[in-house]
């Protein structure tokens, strides 16, 4: 595989230059804003836990990877874009099972592996209808399912997680219409995916920090 092979997958890119997707690239500042927000909450939380801090820094890595992809636009930068996102999805799913749902560590691990397997199985089935956005649908469904479960139990993090699912729905919609709307909207809509996706991650970071277990006395 040629890791330097160029990728032209978004409406805004009309050339091969580093800044050919200026709006898509610059909108990644939203991810760094989400990470800063998460860190602000973490530093003021009564219980500073390492899993939440790991997720906060991972959001910064997501912003960096996405910036690299929308500037270099090749295979290696594509990997830098998608791998941190995948890590965040499965790491947060496991954290949500453990911290919010209240499962044991073993159940959270098994559940996360099951979610990973289901995602791998479901993505090819959805790809014919949703294209490259199909891989994000399992994560979206997980947000709604976990959020609804928590709301039913009156868990304080239920609405933040469910709201994150609603924002992510809009985010995914803008990702999907980027190319179809390209003739009428030359700058594309992918930058809105970045902004709303960062909003989703910011909500999830705040929920993770606020839901951290208190330190033992």
N, C-alpha and C. Protein backbone atom coordinates (compact mmCIF):
# COMPACT_ATOMS: atom_id res chain seq x y z
N UNK A 1 0.83 -1.18 0.00
CA UNK A 1 0.00 0.00 0.00
C UNK A 1 0.88 1.25 0.00
N UNK A 2 0.57 2.18 -0.88
CA UNK A 2 1.30 3.44 -0.95
C UNK A 2 0.65 4.42 0.01
N UNK A 3 1.31 4.67 1.16
CA UNK A 3 0.74 5.53 2.18
C UNK A 3 0.72 7.00 1.79
N UNK A 4 1.41 7.33 0.70
CA UNK A 4 1.42 8.72 0.25
C UNK A 4 0.44 8.96 -0.90
N UNK A 5 -0.33 7.93 -1.27
CA UNK A 5 -1.30 8.09 -2.35
C UNK A 5 -2.34 9.13 -1.97
N UNK A 6 -2.64 10.09 -2.84
CA UNK A 6 -3.58 11.16 -2.50
C UNK A 6 -5.01 10.66 -2.39
N UNK A 7 -5.78 11.34 -1.55
CA UNK A 7 -7.19 11.03 -1.37
C UNK A 7 -7.99 12.31 -1.57
N UNK A 8 -8.94 12.26 -2.48
CA UNK A 8 -9.82 13.40 -2.73
C UNK A 8 -11.24 12.95 -2.44
N UNK A 9 -11.71 13.16 -1.22
CA UNK A 9 -13.00 12.60 -0.80
C UNK A 9 -14.02 13.65 -0.39
N UNK A 10 -13.64 14.94 -0.42
CA UNK A 10 -14.54 15.95 0.10
C UNK A 10 -14.75 17.09 -0.90
N UNK A 11 -15.89 17.70 -0.81
CA UNK A 11 -16.30 18.71 -1.77
C UNK A 11 -15.32 19.87 -1.86
N UNK A 12 -14.83 20.33 -0.72
CA UNK A 12 -14.00 21.54 -0.71
C UNK A 12 -12.69 21.37 -1.45
N UNK A 13 -12.14 20.16 -1.48
CA UNK A 13 -10.82 19.96 -2.10
C UNK A 13 -10.93 20.02 -3.61
N UNK A 14 -10.26 21.02 -4.18
CA UNK A 14 -10.26 21.17 -5.64
C UNK A 14 -8.84 21.15 -6.20
N UNK A 15 -7.87 20.84 -5.35
CA UNK A 15 -6.49 20.78 -5.79
C UNK A 15 -5.68 19.88 -4.89
N UNK A 16 -4.36 19.90 -5.05
CA UNK A 16 -3.49 19.02 -4.28
C UNK A 16 -2.69 19.77 -3.21
N UNK A 17 -2.94 21.05 -3.07
CA UNK A 17 -2.16 21.85 -2.14
C UNK A 17 -2.46 21.54 -0.68
N UNK A 18 -1.51 21.94 0.19
CA UNK A 18 -1.64 21.71 1.62
C UNK A 18 -2.89 22.37 2.17
N UNK A 19 -3.23 23.55 1.70
CA UNK A 19 -4.36 24.32 2.22
C UNK A 19 -5.56 24.29 1.26
N UNK A 20 -5.67 23.19 0.50
CA UNK A 20 -6.78 23.07 -0.46
C UNK A 20 -8.12 22.83 0.21
N UNK A 21 -8.10 22.42 1.49
CA UNK A 21 -9.33 22.28 2.27
C UNK A 21 -9.23 23.20 3.48
N UNK A 22 -9.13 24.48 3.22
CA UNK A 22 -8.87 25.43 4.30
C UNK A 22 -9.97 25.43 5.36
N UNK A 23 -11.23 25.35 4.94
CA UNK A 23 -12.34 25.37 5.91
C UNK A 23 -12.39 24.05 6.69
N UNK A 24 -12.22 22.94 5.97
CA UNK A 24 -12.22 21.64 6.66
C UNK A 24 -11.05 21.54 7.64
N UNK A 25 -9.90 22.07 7.24
CA UNK A 25 -8.72 21.99 8.10
C UNK A 25 -8.85 22.90 9.31
N UNK A 26 -9.23 24.15 9.08
CA UNK A 26 -9.29 25.11 10.19
C UNK A 26 -10.41 24.81 11.17
N UNK A 27 -11.47 24.14 10.73
CA UNK A 27 -12.59 23.84 11.63
C UNK A 27 -12.21 22.80 12.69
N UNK A 28 -11.04 22.18 12.53
CA UNK A 28 -10.60 21.22 13.54
C UNK A 28 -10.23 21.89 14.86
N UNK A 29 -10.19 23.21 14.87
CA UNK A 29 -9.94 23.91 16.13
C UNK A 29 -11.05 23.60 17.13
N UNK A 30 -12.21 23.19 16.62
CA UNK A 30 -13.33 22.84 17.50
C UNK A 30 -12.98 21.66 18.41
N UNK A 31 -12.18 20.71 17.90
CA UNK A 31 -11.78 19.57 18.73
C UNK A 31 -10.86 20.00 19.87
N UNK A 32 -9.98 20.94 19.58
CA UNK A 32 -9.09 21.43 20.63
C UNK A 32 -9.88 22.23 21.66
N UNK A 33 -10.90 22.94 21.20
CA UNK A 33 -11.77 23.66 22.13
C UNK A 33 -12.50 22.68 23.04
N UNK A 34 -12.96 21.55 22.48
CA UNK A 34 -13.64 20.53 23.28
C UNK A 34 -12.69 19.93 24.31
N UNK A 35 -11.44 19.70 23.89
CA UNK A 35 -10.44 19.14 24.82
C UNK A 35 -10.14 20.13 25.94
N UNK A 36 -10.03 21.41 25.61
CA UNK A 36 -9.78 22.44 26.63
C UNK A 36 -10.95 22.51 27.60
N UNK A 37 -12.18 22.43 27.07
CA UNK A 37 -13.36 22.43 27.93
C UNK A 37 -13.32 21.24 28.89
N UNK A 38 -13.02 20.06 28.35
CA UNK A 38 -12.94 18.87 29.18
C UNK A 38 -11.87 19.01 30.26
N UNK A 39 -10.72 19.57 29.87
CA UNK A 39 -9.63 19.74 30.84
C UNK A 39 -10.01 20.75 31.92
N UNK A 40 -10.75 21.78 31.54
CA UNK A 40 -11.20 22.78 32.51
C UNK A 40 -12.10 22.13 33.57
N UNK A 41 -13.03 21.30 33.10
CA UNK A 41 -13.90 20.59 34.03
C UNK A 41 -13.10 19.61 34.88
N UNK A 42 -12.15 18.92 34.25
CA UNK A 42 -11.37 17.91 34.97
C UNK A 42 -10.55 18.54 36.09
N UNK A 43 -9.95 19.69 35.83
CA UNK A 43 -9.10 20.35 36.83
C UNK A 43 -9.91 20.86 38.01
N UNK A 44 -11.20 21.07 37.81
CA UNK A 44 -12.06 21.58 38.87
C UNK A 44 -12.94 20.50 39.49
N UNK A 45 -12.79 19.28 39.01
CA UNK A 45 -13.62 18.19 39.53
C UNK A 45 -13.13 17.73 40.90
N UNK A 46 -14.04 17.34 41.77
CA UNK A 46 -13.62 16.83 43.09
C UNK A 46 -12.85 15.52 42.99
N UNK A 47 -13.11 14.76 41.92
CA UNK A 47 -12.40 13.49 41.72
C UNK A 47 -11.73 13.51 40.35
N UNK A 48 -10.40 13.70 40.33
CA UNK A 48 -9.66 13.71 39.06
C UNK A 48 -9.23 12.28 38.74
N UNK A 49 -9.84 11.72 37.72
CA UNK A 49 -9.56 10.33 37.38
C UNK A 49 -8.79 10.27 36.06
N UNK A 50 -7.93 9.27 35.94
CA UNK A 50 -7.09 9.13 34.75
C UNK A 50 -7.85 8.73 33.50
N UNK A 51 -8.88 7.89 33.55
CA UNK A 51 -9.60 7.57 32.32
C UNK A 51 -10.18 8.81 31.64
N UNK A 52 -10.75 9.73 32.42
CA UNK A 52 -11.30 10.95 31.83
C UNK A 52 -10.20 11.79 31.20
N UNK A 53 -9.07 11.91 31.89
CA UNK A 53 -7.96 12.69 31.36
C UNK A 53 -7.43 12.08 30.06
N UNK A 54 -7.38 10.75 30.02
CA UNK A 54 -6.95 10.05 28.80
C UNK A 54 -7.88 10.41 27.64
N UNK A 55 -9.17 10.41 27.89
CA UNK A 55 -10.14 10.74 26.83
C UNK A 55 -10.01 12.19 26.39
N UNK A 56 -9.72 13.08 27.34
CA UNK A 56 -9.54 14.49 27.00
C UNK A 56 -8.37 14.67 26.05
N UNK A 57 -7.25 14.06 26.37
CA UNK A 57 -6.09 14.18 25.49
C UNK A 57 -6.33 13.48 24.15
N UNK A 58 -7.13 12.42 24.17
CA UNK A 58 -7.44 11.72 22.93
C UNK A 58 -8.24 12.60 21.98
N UNK A 59 -9.11 13.45 22.53
CA UNK A 59 -9.85 14.39 21.68
C UNK A 59 -8.88 15.35 21.00
N UNK A 60 -7.84 15.77 21.71
CA UNK A 60 -6.82 16.60 21.08
C UNK A 60 -6.09 15.86 19.97
N UNK A 61 -5.85 14.58 20.16
CA UNK A 61 -5.22 13.76 19.12
C UNK A 61 -6.15 13.63 17.92
N UNK A 62 -7.45 13.51 18.17
CA UNK A 62 -8.43 13.44 17.07
C UNK A 62 -8.36 14.72 16.23
N UNK A 63 -8.31 15.87 16.90
CA UNK A 63 -8.21 17.13 16.17
C UNK A 63 -6.94 17.21 15.34
N UNK A 64 -5.84 16.73 15.90
CA UNK A 64 -4.56 16.74 15.18
C UNK A 64 -4.62 15.82 13.96
N UNK A 65 -5.14 14.61 14.16
CA UNK A 65 -5.23 13.66 13.05
C UNK A 65 -6.12 14.16 11.93
N UNK A 66 -7.25 14.76 12.31
CA UNK A 66 -8.16 15.28 11.30
C UNK A 66 -7.52 16.44 10.54
N UNK A 67 -6.79 17.30 11.23
CA UNK A 67 -6.08 18.40 10.57
C UNK A 67 -5.07 17.87 9.56
N UNK A 68 -4.33 16.85 9.96
CA UNK A 68 -3.34 16.26 9.05
C UNK A 68 -4.01 15.69 7.81
N UNK A 69 -5.17 15.04 7.99
CA UNK A 69 -5.84 14.44 6.85
C UNK A 69 -6.36 15.49 5.88
N UNK A 70 -6.89 16.59 6.41
CA UNK A 70 -7.48 17.60 5.53
C UNK A 70 -6.45 18.58 5.00
N UNK A 71 -5.18 18.35 5.30
CA UNK A 71 -4.11 19.14 4.70
C UNK A 71 -3.25 18.27 3.78
N UNK A 72 -2.77 17.14 4.29
CA UNK A 72 -1.95 16.24 3.46
C UNK A 72 -2.82 15.38 2.55
N UNK A 73 -4.01 15.00 3.02
CA UNK A 73 -4.99 14.27 2.21
C UNK A 73 -4.39 13.05 1.50
N UNK A 74 -3.81 12.14 2.27
CA UNK A 74 -3.30 10.90 1.69
C UNK A 74 -3.60 9.75 2.65
N UNK A 75 -3.09 8.58 2.34
CA UNK A 75 -3.47 7.39 3.11
C UNK A 75 -2.93 7.41 4.53
N UNK A 76 -1.68 7.83 4.72
CA UNK A 76 -1.15 7.80 6.08
C UNK A 76 -1.88 8.81 6.98
N UNK A 77 -2.22 9.97 6.41
CA UNK A 77 -2.95 10.95 7.21
C UNK A 77 -4.40 10.52 7.45
N UNK A 78 -4.92 9.70 6.54
CA UNK A 78 -6.25 9.14 6.75
C UNK A 78 -6.25 8.22 7.97
N UNK A 79 -5.18 7.43 8.10
CA UNK A 79 -5.06 6.56 9.28
C UNK A 79 -4.93 7.39 10.55
N UNK A 80 -4.19 8.50 10.47
CA UNK A 80 -4.05 9.39 11.62
C UNK A 80 -5.38 10.00 12.01
N UNK A 81 -6.29 10.08 11.06
CA UNK A 81 -7.62 10.63 11.29
C UNK A 81 -8.56 9.61 11.93
N UNK A 82 -8.65 8.43 11.34
CA UNK A 82 -9.69 7.48 11.76
C UNK A 82 -9.31 6.63 12.98
N UNK A 83 -8.04 6.34 13.17
CA UNK A 83 -7.65 5.46 14.28
C UNK A 83 -7.95 6.09 15.65
N UNK A 84 -7.59 7.36 15.90
CA UNK A 84 -7.94 7.94 17.20
C UNK A 84 -9.45 8.00 17.45
N UNK A 85 -10.23 8.23 16.39
CA UNK A 85 -11.69 8.26 16.54
C UNK A 85 -12.19 6.89 16.98
N UNK A 86 -11.69 5.84 16.33
CA UNK A 86 -12.11 4.49 16.69
C UNK A 86 -11.73 4.16 18.13
N UNK A 87 -10.53 4.56 18.54
CA UNK A 87 -10.09 4.30 19.91
C UNK A 87 -11.02 5.00 20.90
N UNK A 88 -11.39 6.24 20.59
CA UNK A 88 -12.27 6.98 21.49
C UNK A 88 -13.63 6.29 21.60
N UNK A 89 -14.19 5.86 20.49
CA UNK A 89 -15.52 5.23 20.50
C UNK A 89 -15.54 4.03 21.42
N UNK A 90 -14.56 3.13 21.27
CA UNK A 90 -14.59 1.90 22.05
C UNK A 90 -14.15 2.15 23.50
N UNK A 91 -13.23 3.09 23.70
CA UNK A 91 -12.82 3.41 25.06
C UNK A 91 -13.97 4.03 25.83
N UNK A 92 -14.70 4.94 25.18
CA UNK A 92 -15.81 5.59 25.88
C UNK A 92 -16.95 4.60 26.12
N UNK A 93 -17.17 3.70 25.18
CA UNK A 93 -18.22 2.70 25.37
C UNK A 93 -17.93 1.87 26.61
N UNK A 94 -16.68 1.42 26.73
CA UNK A 94 -16.30 0.65 27.90
C UNK A 94 -16.42 1.45 29.18
N UNK A 95 -16.01 2.73 29.14
CA UNK A 95 -16.12 3.58 30.32
C UNK A 95 -17.58 3.78 30.70
N UNK A 96 -18.45 3.98 29.71
CA UNK A 96 -19.87 4.19 29.99
C UNK A 96 -20.50 2.96 30.63
N UNK A 97 -20.14 1.78 30.14
CA UNK A 97 -20.67 0.56 30.75
C UNK A 97 -20.23 0.44 32.20
N UNK A 98 -18.99 0.73 32.43
CA UNK A 98 -18.44 0.59 33.78
C UNK A 98 -18.92 1.70 34.72
N UNK A 99 -18.80 2.95 34.26
CA UNK A 99 -19.02 4.10 35.13
C UNK A 99 -20.48 4.50 35.24
N UNK A 100 -21.21 4.46 34.13
CA UNK A 100 -22.60 4.93 34.14
C UNK A 100 -23.60 3.80 34.36
N UNK A 101 -23.42 2.71 33.59
CA UNK A 101 -24.36 1.58 33.70
C UNK A 101 -24.10 0.78 34.97
N UNK A 102 -22.83 0.76 35.40
CA UNK A 102 -22.50 0.08 36.64
C UNK A 102 -22.14 -1.38 36.51
N UNK A 103 -21.66 -1.79 35.34
CA UNK A 103 -21.27 -3.18 35.15
C UNK A 103 -19.92 -3.44 35.80
N UNK A 104 -19.58 -4.71 35.94
CA UNK A 104 -18.26 -5.07 36.44
C UNK A 104 -17.22 -4.81 35.35
N UNK A 105 -15.95 -4.84 35.72
CA UNK A 105 -14.89 -4.65 34.73
C UNK A 105 -14.93 -5.73 33.66
N UNK A 106 -15.18 -6.95 34.10
CA UNK A 106 -15.25 -8.05 33.14
C UNK A 106 -16.41 -7.86 32.18
N UNK A 107 -17.58 -7.49 32.70
CA UNK A 107 -18.75 -7.28 31.84
C UNK A 107 -18.53 -6.12 30.89
N UNK A 108 -17.88 -5.05 31.37
CA UNK A 108 -17.59 -3.90 30.51
C UNK A 108 -16.64 -4.30 29.39
N UNK A 109 -15.64 -5.12 29.71
CA UNK A 109 -14.68 -5.58 28.69
C UNK A 109 -15.36 -6.46 27.66
N UNK A 110 -16.16 -7.41 28.13
CA UNK A 110 -16.87 -8.32 27.21
C UNK A 110 -17.87 -7.53 26.37
N UNK A 111 -18.56 -6.58 27.01
CA UNK A 111 -19.53 -5.78 26.27
C UNK A 111 -18.87 -4.93 25.20
N UNK A 112 -17.69 -4.38 25.49
CA UNK A 112 -16.97 -3.57 24.51
C UNK A 112 -16.49 -4.42 23.35
N UNK A 113 -16.01 -5.63 23.65
CA UNK A 113 -15.59 -6.54 22.57
C UNK A 113 -16.80 -6.93 21.71
N UNK A 114 -17.95 -7.14 22.35
CA UNK A 114 -19.15 -7.45 21.60
C UNK A 114 -19.58 -6.29 20.72
N UNK A 115 -19.46 -5.09 21.25
CA UNK A 115 -19.79 -3.89 20.47
C UNK A 115 -18.85 -3.74 19.28
N UNK A 116 -17.58 -4.03 19.50
CA UNK A 116 -16.59 -3.99 18.42
C UNK A 116 -16.95 -5.00 17.33
N UNK A 117 -17.29 -6.21 17.73
CA UNK A 117 -17.66 -7.26 16.76
C UNK A 117 -18.92 -6.87 16.00
N UNK A 118 -19.91 -6.34 16.72
CA UNK A 118 -21.15 -5.94 16.07
C UNK A 118 -20.92 -4.80 15.08
N UNK A 119 -20.00 -3.89 15.43
CA UNK A 119 -19.69 -2.78 14.53
C UNK A 119 -19.04 -3.28 13.25
N UNK A 120 -18.11 -4.24 13.39
CA UNK A 120 -17.45 -4.79 12.21
C UNK A 120 -18.45 -5.52 11.31
N UNK A 121 -19.44 -6.17 11.93
CA UNK A 121 -20.44 -6.90 11.16
C UNK A 121 -21.44 -5.96 10.51
N UNK A 122 -21.84 -4.94 11.25
CA UNK A 122 -22.88 -4.05 10.76
C UNK A 122 -22.42 -3.06 9.71
N UNK A 123 -21.16 -2.65 9.78
CA UNK A 123 -20.68 -1.63 8.85
C UNK A 123 -20.83 -2.03 7.38
N UNK A 124 -20.42 -3.24 6.97
CA UNK A 124 -20.60 -3.61 5.56
C UNK A 124 -22.07 -3.63 5.13
N UNK A 125 -22.96 -3.96 6.04
CA UNK A 125 -24.38 -4.01 5.71
C UNK A 125 -24.95 -2.61 5.46
N UNK A 126 -24.39 -1.62 6.15
CA UNK A 126 -24.88 -0.26 6.02
C UNK A 126 -24.15 0.55 4.96
N UNK A 127 -22.98 0.07 4.55
CA UNK A 127 -22.13 0.85 3.65
C UNK A 127 -22.80 1.12 2.30
N UNK A 128 -23.62 0.19 1.82
CA UNK A 128 -24.27 0.38 0.51
C UNK A 128 -25.25 1.55 0.54
N UNK A 129 -25.74 1.90 1.71
CA UNK A 129 -26.69 3.01 1.84
C UNK A 129 -26.03 4.28 2.39
N UNK A 130 -25.04 4.12 3.24
CA UNK A 130 -24.48 5.27 3.94
C UNK A 130 -23.04 5.58 3.55
N UNK A 131 -22.44 4.72 2.73
CA UNK A 131 -21.07 4.95 2.30
C UNK A 131 -20.09 4.91 3.46
N UNK A 132 -19.10 5.82 3.44
CA UNK A 132 -18.07 5.82 4.46
C UNK A 132 -18.59 6.26 5.83
N UNK A 133 -19.81 6.77 5.88
CA UNK A 133 -20.39 7.18 7.17
C UNK A 133 -20.95 6.00 7.94
N UNK A 134 -21.03 4.84 7.30
CA UNK A 134 -21.64 3.67 7.95
C UNK A 134 -20.91 3.27 9.22
N UNK A 135 -19.61 3.47 9.26
CA UNK A 135 -18.83 3.05 10.43
C UNK A 135 -19.17 3.81 11.70
N UNK A 136 -19.84 4.96 11.55
CA UNK A 136 -20.18 5.75 12.73
C UNK A 136 -21.56 5.43 13.29
N UNK A 137 -22.36 4.70 12.55
CA UNK A 137 -23.72 4.41 12.99
C UNK A 137 -23.76 3.58 14.29
N UNK A 138 -22.94 2.54 14.44
CA UNK A 138 -22.97 1.80 15.72
C UNK A 138 -22.71 2.70 16.92
N UNK A 139 -21.77 3.62 16.80
CA UNK A 139 -21.49 4.55 17.89
C UNK A 139 -22.68 5.44 18.17
N UNK A 140 -23.36 5.88 17.12
CA UNK A 140 -24.56 6.70 17.29
C UNK A 140 -25.65 5.94 18.03
N UNK A 141 -25.89 4.71 17.61
CA UNK A 141 -26.91 3.89 18.26
C UNK A 141 -26.56 3.63 19.72
N UNK A 142 -25.27 3.45 19.99
CA UNK A 142 -24.83 3.21 21.37
C UNK A 142 -25.10 4.42 22.24
N UNK A 143 -24.91 5.63 21.71
CA UNK A 143 -25.18 6.84 22.48
C UNK A 143 -26.66 6.92 22.85
N UNK A 144 -27.53 6.64 21.88
CA UNK A 144 -28.96 6.69 22.16
C UNK A 144 -29.36 5.60 23.16
N UNK A 145 -28.84 4.40 22.97
CA UNK A 145 -29.21 3.28 23.83
C UNK A 145 -28.76 3.51 25.27
N UNK A 146 -27.50 3.89 25.43
CA UNK A 146 -26.97 4.12 26.79
C UNK A 146 -27.64 5.33 27.41
N UNK A 147 -27.81 6.40 26.61
CA UNK A 147 -28.46 7.60 27.14
C UNK A 147 -29.88 7.32 27.60
N UNK A 148 -30.65 6.59 26.79
CA UNK A 148 -32.03 6.26 27.15
C UNK A 148 -32.07 5.39 28.40
N UNK A 149 -31.15 4.44 28.48
CA UNK A 149 -31.09 3.57 29.66
C UNK A 149 -30.81 4.37 30.92
N UNK A 150 -29.90 5.31 30.82
CA UNK A 150 -29.55 6.12 31.98
C UNK A 150 -30.69 7.06 32.37
N UNK A 151 -31.36 7.62 31.38
CA UNK A 151 -32.50 8.51 31.66
C UNK A 151 -33.60 7.74 32.38
N UNK A 152 -33.85 6.51 31.94
CA UNK A 152 -34.87 5.68 32.58
C UNK A 152 -34.52 5.41 34.04
N UNK A 153 -33.24 5.41 34.36
CA UNK A 153 -32.80 5.17 35.74
C UNK A 153 -32.56 6.47 36.50
N UNK A 154 -32.92 7.61 35.88
CA UNK A 154 -32.70 8.93 36.48
C UNK A 154 -31.23 9.18 36.80
N UNK A 155 -30.36 8.63 35.97
CA UNK A 155 -28.92 8.85 36.14
C UNK A 155 -28.58 10.27 35.70
N UNK A 156 -27.79 11.01 36.45
CA UNK A 156 -27.50 12.40 36.09
C UNK A 156 -26.77 12.59 34.76
N UNK A 157 -26.09 11.57 34.27
CA UNK A 157 -25.39 11.69 32.98
C UNK A 157 -26.23 11.19 31.81
N UNK A 158 -27.48 10.82 32.07
CA UNK A 158 -28.32 10.29 31.00
C UNK A 158 -28.58 11.31 29.91
N UNK A 159 -29.03 12.49 30.29
CA UNK A 159 -29.35 13.50 29.28
C UNK A 159 -28.12 14.01 28.53
N UNK A 160 -26.98 14.23 29.19
CA UNK A 160 -25.80 14.62 28.42
C UNK A 160 -25.41 13.59 27.35
N UNK A 161 -25.48 12.30 27.70
CA UNK A 161 -25.13 11.26 26.73
C UNK A 161 -26.18 11.22 25.61
N UNK A 162 -27.45 11.29 25.96
CA UNK A 162 -28.51 11.25 24.95
C UNK A 162 -28.43 12.49 24.05
N UNK A 163 -28.17 13.65 24.63
CA UNK A 163 -28.02 14.87 23.84
C UNK A 163 -26.83 14.77 22.90
N UNK A 164 -25.76 14.14 23.37
CA UNK A 164 -24.60 13.91 22.51
C UNK A 164 -25.02 13.09 21.28
N UNK A 165 -25.91 12.11 21.49
CA UNK A 165 -26.41 11.32 20.37
C UNK A 165 -27.19 12.17 19.39
N UNK A 166 -28.01 13.09 19.90
CA UNK A 166 -28.79 13.96 19.02
C UNK A 166 -27.89 14.89 18.20
N UNK A 167 -26.88 15.45 18.86
CA UNK A 167 -25.93 16.32 18.14
C UNK A 167 -25.15 15.52 17.11
N UNK A 168 -24.78 14.29 17.47
CA UNK A 168 -24.03 13.45 16.55
C UNK A 168 -24.88 13.05 15.34
N UNK A 169 -26.18 12.94 15.52
CA UNK A 169 -27.08 12.66 14.39
C UNK A 169 -27.00 13.78 13.36
N UNK A 170 -27.08 15.03 13.84
CA UNK A 170 -26.95 16.17 12.93
C UNK A 170 -25.57 16.21 12.30
N UNK A 171 -24.56 15.92 13.11
CA UNK A 171 -23.19 15.90 12.61
C UNK A 171 -23.02 14.91 11.47
N UNK A 172 -23.55 13.72 11.67
CA UNK A 172 -23.43 12.67 10.66
C UNK A 172 -24.19 13.04 9.39
N UNK A 173 -25.32 13.72 9.55
CA UNK A 173 -26.10 14.15 8.38
C UNK A 173 -25.28 15.12 7.53
N UNK A 174 -24.60 16.07 8.16
CA UNK A 174 -23.78 17.01 7.40
C UNK A 174 -22.60 16.30 6.73
N UNK A 175 -22.08 15.27 7.34
CA UNK A 175 -21.01 14.50 6.71
C UNK A 175 -21.50 13.80 5.45
N UNK A 176 -22.72 13.29 5.51
CA UNK A 176 -23.27 12.52 4.40
C UNK A 176 -23.68 13.37 3.21
N UNK A 177 -24.06 14.62 3.45
CA UNK A 177 -24.55 15.46 2.34
C UNK A 177 -23.44 16.31 1.73
N UNK A 178 -22.22 16.16 2.21
CA UNK A 178 -21.11 16.98 1.71
C UNK A 178 -20.98 16.89 0.19
N UNK A 179 -20.89 15.69 -0.33
CA UNK A 179 -20.72 15.52 -1.79
C UNK A 179 -22.01 15.74 -2.57
N UNK A 180 -23.17 15.22 -2.10
CA UNK A 180 -24.41 15.46 -2.85
C UNK A 180 -24.74 16.95 -3.04
N UNK A 181 -24.42 17.79 -2.06
CA UNK A 181 -24.73 19.21 -2.14
C UNK A 181 -23.62 20.03 -2.79
N UNK A 182 -22.54 19.35 -3.17
CA UNK A 182 -21.36 20.05 -3.69
C UNK A 182 -21.66 20.97 -4.88
N UNK A 183 -22.48 20.57 -5.86
CA UNK A 183 -22.73 21.47 -6.99
C UNK A 183 -23.35 22.80 -6.57
N UNK A 184 -24.15 22.79 -5.52
CA UNK A 184 -24.82 24.01 -5.07
C UNK A 184 -24.12 24.69 -3.90
N UNK A 185 -23.22 23.96 -3.23
CA UNK A 185 -22.52 24.50 -2.05
C UNK A 185 -21.05 24.10 -2.15
N UNK A 186 -20.27 24.83 -2.97
CA UNK A 186 -18.90 24.41 -3.29
C UNK A 186 -17.97 24.23 -2.09
N UNK A 187 -18.20 24.94 -1.00
CA UNK A 187 -17.32 24.76 0.16
C UNK A 187 -17.66 23.49 0.93
N UNK A 188 -18.79 22.87 0.62
CA UNK A 188 -19.15 21.62 1.27
C UNK A 188 -19.69 21.83 2.68
N UNK A 189 -20.06 20.73 3.31
CA UNK A 189 -20.62 20.77 4.66
C UNK A 189 -19.78 19.98 5.66
N UNK A 190 -18.63 19.48 5.22
CA UNK A 190 -17.84 18.62 6.11
C UNK A 190 -17.33 19.38 7.33
N UNK A 191 -17.11 20.69 7.19
CA UNK A 191 -16.63 21.47 8.33
C UNK A 191 -17.66 21.48 9.46
N UNK A 192 -18.95 21.35 9.10
CA UNK A 192 -20.00 21.29 10.12
C UNK A 192 -19.96 19.95 10.86
N UNK A 193 -19.52 18.90 10.17
CA UNK A 193 -19.28 17.61 10.82
C UNK A 193 -18.23 17.77 11.92
N UNK A 194 -17.18 18.52 11.62
CA UNK A 194 -16.14 18.74 12.62
C UNK A 194 -16.68 19.50 13.83
N UNK A 195 -17.39 20.58 13.59
CA UNK A 195 -17.88 21.42 14.67
C UNK A 195 -18.88 20.68 15.55
N UNK A 196 -19.83 19.99 14.92
CA UNK A 196 -20.84 19.26 15.70
C UNK A 196 -20.26 18.00 16.32
N UNK A 197 -19.33 17.37 15.64
CA UNK A 197 -18.67 16.20 16.21
C UNK A 197 -17.87 16.59 17.45
N UNK A 198 -17.20 17.73 17.38
CA UNK A 198 -16.46 18.23 18.54
C UNK A 198 -17.42 18.56 19.69
N UNK A 199 -18.59 19.09 19.35
CA UNK A 199 -19.60 19.36 20.37
C UNK A 199 -20.04 18.06 21.04
N UNK A 200 -20.23 17.02 20.23
CA UNK A 200 -20.57 15.70 20.76
C UNK A 200 -19.51 15.22 21.74
N UNK A 201 -18.26 15.30 21.34
CA UNK A 201 -17.18 14.84 22.20
C UNK A 201 -17.06 15.68 23.46
N UNK A 202 -17.31 16.98 23.34
CA UNK A 202 -17.28 17.84 24.51
C UNK A 202 -18.33 17.45 25.53
N UNK A 203 -19.54 17.15 25.07
CA UNK A 203 -20.60 16.68 25.97
C UNK A 203 -20.21 15.39 26.66
N UNK A 204 -19.61 14.49 25.90
CA UNK A 204 -19.22 13.20 26.47
C UNK A 204 -18.08 13.35 27.47
N UNK A 205 -17.16 14.27 27.21
CA UNK A 205 -16.08 14.50 28.16
C UNK A 205 -16.62 15.05 29.48
N UNK A 206 -17.52 16.00 29.38
CA UNK A 206 -18.11 16.57 30.60
C UNK A 206 -18.85 15.50 31.39
N UNK A 207 -19.59 14.64 30.67
CA UNK A 207 -20.30 13.55 31.35
C UNK A 207 -19.32 12.61 32.04
N UNK A 208 -18.22 12.29 31.37
CA UNK A 208 -17.22 11.39 31.96
C UNK A 208 -16.61 11.99 33.21
N UNK A 209 -16.28 13.28 33.16
CA UNK A 209 -15.65 13.94 34.32
C UNK A 209 -16.63 14.04 35.47
N UNK A 210 -17.86 14.45 35.17
CA UNK A 210 -18.85 14.61 36.23
C UNK A 210 -19.28 13.26 36.82
N UNK A 211 -19.18 12.23 36.02
CA UNK A 211 -19.60 10.92 36.49
C UNK A 211 -18.51 10.11 37.14
N UNK A 212 -17.33 10.71 37.32
CA UNK A 212 -16.21 9.99 37.92
C UNK A 212 -16.54 9.60 39.35
N UNK A 213 -16.16 8.40 39.75
CA UNK A 213 -16.43 7.97 41.14
C UNK A 213 -15.63 8.80 42.12
N UNK A 214 -16.20 9.10 43.30
CA UNK A 214 -15.46 9.89 44.29
C UNK A 214 -14.25 9.13 44.80
N UNK A 215 -13.23 9.89 45.17
CA UNK A 215 -12.03 9.26 45.72
C UNK A 215 -12.33 8.66 47.09
N UNK A 216 -11.80 7.47 47.37
CA UNK A 216 -12.02 6.89 48.69
C UNK A 216 -11.34 7.70 49.77
N UNK A 217 -11.97 7.82 50.91
CA UNK A 217 -11.43 8.60 52.03
C UNK A 217 -10.68 7.68 53.00
